[in-house]
Protein backbone atom coordinates (compact mmCIF):
# COMPACT_ATOMS: atom_id res chain seq x y z
CA UNK A 1 134.76 24.34 -73.43
CA UNK A 2 134.31 20.55 -73.29
CA UNK A 3 131.93 19.39 -70.60
CA UNK A 4 132.45 16.35 -68.40
CA UNK A 5 130.56 13.19 -67.44
CA UNK A 6 130.29 12.59 -63.70
CA UNK A 7 130.69 9.03 -62.55
CA UNK A 8 129.84 6.90 -59.56
CA UNK A 9 132.17 4.24 -58.13
CA UNK A 10 129.75 1.63 -59.50
CA UNK A 11 129.84 2.86 -63.11
CA UNK A 12 131.36 0.22 -65.43
CA UNK A 13 133.58 1.42 -68.25
CA UNK A 14 136.21 0.06 -70.64
CA UNK A 15 139.00 0.88 -68.20
CA UNK A 16 141.36 -2.02 -68.91
CA UNK A 17 144.46 -0.47 -70.48
CA UNK A 18 145.63 -1.76 -73.85
CA UNK A 19 149.19 -0.44 -73.12
CA UNK A 20 149.64 1.18 -76.50
CA UNK A 21 151.11 4.34 -74.92
CA UNK A 22 148.89 6.89 -76.71
CA UNK A 23 148.08 8.54 -73.38
CA UNK A 24 151.81 9.07 -72.77
CA UNK A 25 151.93 11.55 -75.66
CA UNK A 26 150.97 15.20 -75.71
CA UNK A 27 149.57 15.40 -72.22
CA UNK A 28 150.19 17.67 -69.21
CA UNK A 29 151.27 15.78 -66.09
CA UNK A 30 151.36 18.02 -63.02
CA UNK A 31 153.15 17.14 -59.82
CA UNK A 32 153.02 17.88 -56.13
CA UNK A 33 156.26 17.67 -54.07
CA UNK A 34 155.57 14.19 -52.71
CA UNK A 35 154.96 12.85 -56.24
CA UNK A 36 158.21 14.44 -57.40
CA UNK A 37 160.04 12.62 -54.58
CA UNK A 38 158.34 9.32 -55.51
CA UNK A 39 159.35 9.66 -59.15
CA UNK A 40 162.91 10.51 -58.20
CA UNK A 41 163.14 7.40 -55.98
CA UNK A 42 161.82 5.20 -58.79
CA UNK A 43 164.35 6.68 -61.20
CA UNK A 44 167.14 6.31 -58.60
CA UNK A 45 167.82 10.03 -58.75
CA UNK A 46 167.76 12.65 -56.03
CA UNK A 47 164.65 14.82 -56.20
CA UNK A 48 166.82 17.73 -57.39
CA UNK A 49 168.35 15.64 -60.15
CA UNK A 50 165.01 14.39 -61.33
CA UNK A 51 163.50 17.89 -61.18
CA UNK A 52 166.33 19.48 -63.14
CA UNK A 53 166.44 16.73 -65.76
CA UNK A 54 162.79 15.96 -66.34
CA UNK A 55 160.56 18.74 -65.05
CA UNK A 56 159.46 22.27 -65.90
CA UNK A 57 158.59 25.39 -63.94
CA UNK A 58 160.60 24.47 -60.87
CA UNK A 59 159.23 20.91 -60.67
CA UNK A 60 155.45 21.18 -60.99
CA UNK A 61 155.18 19.62 -64.42
CA UNK A 62 156.81 16.71 -66.27
CA UNK A 63 158.53 17.49 -69.53
CA UNK A 64 157.05 15.95 -72.65
CA UNK A 65 160.17 16.08 -74.78
CA UNK A 66 160.47 12.39 -75.69
CA UNK A 67 160.20 10.70 -79.10
CA UNK A 68 157.38 11.92 -81.33
CA UNK A 69 154.65 9.37 -81.56
CA UNK A 70 150.86 9.26 -81.51
CA UNK A 71 149.36 12.17 -83.52
CA UNK A 72 152.89 13.58 -84.06
CA UNK A 73 153.06 14.53 -80.37
CA UNK A 74 156.05 14.26 -78.08
CA UNK A 75 156.12 11.47 -75.52
CA UNK A 76 156.54 12.01 -71.82
CA UNK A 77 160.16 12.23 -70.74
CA UNK A 78 159.63 9.02 -68.80
CA UNK A 79 158.15 7.03 -71.70
CA UNK A 80 160.42 4.45 -73.38
CA UNK A 81 159.36 3.37 -76.89
CA UNK A 82 158.31 -0.28 -77.10
CA UNK A 83 158.53 -0.57 -73.34
CA UNK A 84 156.29 1.96 -71.65
CA UNK A 85 156.64 4.04 -68.50
CA UNK A 86 160.14 3.84 -67.01
CA UNK A 87 158.83 4.96 -63.59
CA UNK A 88 155.57 3.06 -63.57
CA UNK A 89 155.57 2.24 -59.87
CA UNK A 90 156.18 5.84 -58.97
CA UNK A 91 153.81 7.39 -61.54
CA UNK A 92 151.78 10.35 -60.20
CA UNK A 93 148.04 10.52 -59.58
CA UNK A 94 147.11 12.06 -62.90
CA UNK A 95 148.67 9.05 -64.66
CA UNK A 96 147.00 6.57 -62.31
CA UNK A 97 143.59 8.15 -62.80
CA UNK A 98 143.73 8.60 -66.54
CA UNK A 99 141.33 8.87 -68.39
CA UNK A 100 139.41 9.87 -65.27
CA UNK A 101 139.56 13.22 -63.47
CA UNK A 102 138.94 13.96 -59.80
CA UNK A 103 137.46 16.97 -58.06
CA UNK A 104 136.59 17.83 -54.45
CA UNK A 105 133.43 19.86 -53.92
CA UNK A 106 132.22 20.61 -50.43
CA UNK A 107 134.67 17.98 -49.11
CA UNK A 108 133.07 15.33 -51.35
CA UNK A 109 135.16 13.58 -53.99
CA UNK A 110 133.85 13.26 -57.54
CA UNK A 111 135.25 11.36 -60.47
CA UNK A 112 134.50 12.15 -64.08
CA UNK A 113 135.83 11.97 -67.63
CA UNK A 114 135.93 14.67 -70.27
CA UNK A 115 133.11 14.82 -72.80
CA UNK A 116 130.20 12.48 -73.20
CA UNK A 117 132.15 9.75 -75.00
CA UNK A 118 134.72 7.68 -73.09
CA UNK A 119 138.08 9.34 -73.95
CA UNK A 120 140.14 6.22 -74.60
CA UNK A 121 138.01 5.16 -77.57
CA UNK A 122 139.71 7.72 -79.78
CA UNK A 123 143.32 6.66 -79.25
CA UNK A 124 142.76 3.04 -78.21
CA UNK A 125 139.46 1.77 -79.68
CA UNK A 126 140.52 -1.80 -78.82
CA UNK A 127 139.75 -1.14 -75.13
CA UNK A 128 136.06 -1.59 -75.91
CA UNK A 129 136.79 -5.32 -76.39
CA UNK A 130 138.78 -5.66 -73.11
CA UNK A 131 137.25 -6.40 -69.72
CA UNK A 132 135.18 -3.53 -68.34
CA UNK A 133 135.77 -2.36 -64.76
CA UNK A 134 133.81 -0.32 -62.28
CA UNK A 135 135.40 3.05 -61.37
CA UNK A 136 135.97 1.66 -57.88
CA UNK A 137 137.74 -1.47 -59.21
CA UNK A 138 139.92 0.68 -61.47
CA UNK A 139 141.00 3.03 -58.66
CA UNK A 140 141.90 0.06 -56.49
CA UNK A 141 143.87 -1.59 -59.26
CA UNK A 142 145.74 1.66 -59.94
CA UNK A 143 146.56 2.01 -56.21
CA UNK A 144 145.44 5.67 -56.11
CA UNK A 145 144.64 5.84 -52.41
CA UNK A 146 148.04 7.14 -51.18
CA UNK A 147 148.28 9.55 -54.08
CA UNK A 148 144.81 10.92 -53.44
CA UNK A 149 145.76 11.50 -49.75
CA UNK A 150 148.86 13.37 -50.92
CA UNK A 151 146.83 15.52 -53.21
CA UNK A 152 144.31 16.44 -50.55
CA UNK A 153 146.96 17.13 -47.95
CA UNK A 154 148.82 19.45 -50.31
CA UNK A 155 145.63 21.39 -50.94
CA UNK A 156 145.75 22.14 -47.20
CA UNK A 157 149.45 23.13 -47.51
CA UNK A 158 148.51 25.44 -50.39
CA UNK A 159 145.93 27.18 -48.25
CA UNK A 160 148.31 27.42 -45.33
CA UNK A 161 150.94 29.17 -47.48
CA UNK A 162 148.26 31.58 -48.70
CA UNK A 163 147.34 32.22 -45.06
CA UNK A 164 150.90 33.41 -44.44
CA UNK A 165 150.39 35.96 -47.24
CA UNK A 166 147.16 37.03 -45.58
CA UNK A 167 148.87 37.39 -42.20
CA UNK A 168 151.58 39.57 -43.72
CA UNK A 169 148.97 41.82 -45.30
CA UNK A 170 146.23 41.90 -42.66
CA UNK A 171 147.86 41.32 -39.30
CA UNK A 172 150.85 43.66 -39.58
CA UNK A 173 149.19 46.99 -40.30
CA UNK A 174 150.06 46.83 -43.98
CA UNK A 175 146.46 46.82 -45.16
CA UNK A 176 145.54 49.50 -42.64
CA UNK A 177 148.32 51.73 -44.06
CA UNK A 178 146.29 52.06 -47.27
CA UNK A 179 148.46 49.66 -49.30
CA UNK A 180 146.97 49.04 -52.73
CA UNK A 181 149.93 47.32 -54.41
CA UNK A 182 149.71 43.92 -52.77
CA UNK A 183 146.34 42.74 -54.07
CA UNK A 184 147.18 44.14 -57.46
CA UNK A 185 150.21 41.90 -57.64
CA UNK A 186 148.28 38.89 -56.32
CA UNK A 187 146.01 39.29 -59.35
CA UNK A 188 148.92 39.69 -61.76
CA UNK A 189 150.55 36.48 -60.41
CA UNK A 190 147.28 34.60 -60.76
CA UNK A 191 147.41 35.29 -64.48
CA UNK A 192 151.16 34.91 -65.10
CA UNK A 193 152.61 32.08 -67.17
CA UNK A 194 154.08 29.37 -64.96
CA UNK A 195 157.64 30.07 -66.05
CA UNK A 196 157.21 33.79 -65.28
CA UNK A 197 155.78 33.04 -61.83
CA UNK A 198 158.60 30.59 -61.12
CA UNK A 199 161.16 33.26 -62.02
CA UNK A 200 159.42 35.77 -59.80
CA UNK A 201 159.47 33.39 -56.82
CA UNK A 202 163.14 32.57 -57.33
CA UNK A 203 165.16 29.45 -56.69
CA UNK A 204 165.33 29.66 -52.91
CA UNK A 205 161.57 29.41 -52.40
CA UNK A 206 161.02 27.16 -55.42
CA UNK A 207 163.49 24.66 -53.92
CA UNK A 208 161.84 24.95 -50.49
CA UNK A 209 158.47 24.22 -52.14
CA UNK A 210 159.48 21.35 -54.39
CA UNK A 211 162.57 19.85 -52.76
CA UNK A 212 161.85 19.65 -49.00
CA UNK A 213 164.56 18.04 -46.93
CA UNK A 214 162.41 15.21 -45.56
CA UNK A 215 163.64 11.62 -45.33
CA UNK A 216 161.94 8.34 -44.51
CA UNK A 217 158.35 9.45 -45.02
CA UNK A 218 157.56 8.56 -48.68
CA UNK A 219 155.33 5.66 -47.62
CA UNK A 220 153.20 8.09 -45.61
CA UNK A 221 152.21 11.04 -47.81
CA UNK A 222 150.19 12.69 -45.08
CA UNK A 223 153.18 12.78 -42.70
CA UNK A 224 155.40 13.98 -45.58
CA UNK A 225 153.07 16.84 -46.46
CA UNK A 226 152.59 17.91 -42.86
CA UNK A 227 156.32 17.94 -42.20
CA UNK A 228 156.73 19.97 -45.38
CA UNK A 229 154.07 22.41 -44.21
CA UNK A 230 156.00 22.84 -40.94
CA UNK A 231 159.25 23.54 -42.83
CA UNK A 232 157.57 26.16 -45.03
CA UNK A 233 156.05 27.93 -42.05
CA UNK A 234 159.37 27.81 -40.19
CA UNK A 235 161.23 29.30 -43.14
CA UNK A 236 158.60 32.06 -43.49
CA UNK A 237 158.88 32.87 -39.76
CA UNK A 238 162.69 32.97 -39.93
CA UNK A 239 162.65 35.24 -42.99
CA UNK A 240 159.69 37.47 -42.27
CA UNK A 241 159.11 37.39 -38.53
CA UNK A 242 160.95 40.65 -37.82
CA UNK A 243 160.07 42.79 -40.86
CA UNK A 244 159.67 46.46 -40.09
CA UNK A 245 158.70 48.46 -43.16
CA UNK A 246 155.52 48.29 -45.22
CA UNK A 247 157.59 47.73 -48.35
CA UNK A 248 159.21 44.64 -46.81
CA UNK A 249 155.79 43.33 -45.69
CA UNK A 250 154.35 43.97 -49.16
CA UNK A 251 157.17 42.09 -50.85
CA UNK A 252 156.89 39.17 -48.41
CA UNK A 253 153.12 38.91 -48.83
CA UNK A 254 153.45 38.93 -52.62
CA UNK A 255 156.14 36.24 -52.50
CA UNK A 256 154.20 33.91 -50.23
CA UNK A 257 151.07 34.27 -52.38
CA UNK A 258 153.24 33.45 -55.42
CA UNK A 259 154.42 30.23 -53.73
CA UNK A 260 150.79 29.33 -52.94
CA UNK A 261 149.75 29.94 -56.53
CA UNK A 262 152.71 27.95 -57.87
CA UNK A 263 151.73 24.94 -55.72
CA UNK A 264 148.12 25.42 -56.78
CA UNK A 265 149.05 24.99 -60.40
CA UNK A 266 151.00 21.81 -59.61
CA UNK A 267 147.82 20.51 -57.91
CA UNK A 268 145.77 21.17 -61.04
CA UNK A 269 143.93 24.19 -59.62
CA UNK A 270 143.38 27.34 -61.66
CA UNK A 271 145.59 30.09 -60.22
CA UNK A 272 143.55 32.96 -61.71
CA UNK A 273 140.35 31.75 -60.02
CA UNK A 274 142.14 31.17 -56.74
CA UNK A 275 143.77 34.58 -56.84
CA UNK A 276 140.44 36.26 -57.37
CA UNK A 277 138.96 34.30 -54.48
CA UNK A 278 141.82 35.23 -52.18
CA UNK A 279 141.65 38.88 -53.25
CA UNK A 280 137.93 39.03 -52.47
CA UNK A 281 138.63 37.43 -49.06
CA UNK A 282 141.29 40.01 -48.27
CA UNK A 283 139.01 42.87 -49.30
CA UNK A 284 136.33 41.52 -46.95
CA UNK A 285 138.90 41.92 -44.17
CA UNK A 286 139.77 45.49 -45.03
CA UNK A 287 142.47 45.26 -47.67
CA UNK A 288 142.25 47.66 -50.66
CA UNK A 289 143.19 47.56 -54.31
């Protein structure tokens, strides 16, 4: 597995883009719901139209089904040959950061790039002759601040959805009944292909996750994500607040954990690792497998 090089905001790198479009081919661009809404606005589509035309797995990933280009790889669905990105102003965080990555550890943000050699030198060696920028200057120029806030807020939403799954398992008597199916399915979902998990969740909850009915808040991603969180909790309460049988509780817990894992993948997290973490937490509170 390729390692990474950690960076400080003061590190200076050849971060001026040569605009050759090589990074718009053969990549994986993941989306959170706010980013999907921003892309749709830029494309002058509804979020549903954009999702159905240009995304995979219910909206968490952009399709790369455009013209074949660099290294015989398909371009992003939003890339226009000899022009560039057709939704540049609405592009998501992963595009704004590239070739950098971003991680949060113990509530501290870290930036890095893959490998020891600067990634762009392979596809765009000419960048070495362009002005070098500090990481901080690059982030400012790419206007990442709002998109980083959205990403961080949706990490909280992800945990909140998982908490609903915990509540359905631990606070209803389901775990105390000796249930061993629920955690087993949490693990299976953590290792499922994204299209399989999306099918398991089904269109009703996929739409609720990726197409929230929120208007007028795109300029404030924190407000957007928090309103979305409230909508998700309200829907869960309406659907699962009066469940009676252990089988119903089991199915509801599995479904909500599936929604959390689907969002996790769209945020760039690793569902299998998260599932194992959440399983261990549930076991520490009395659940069995």
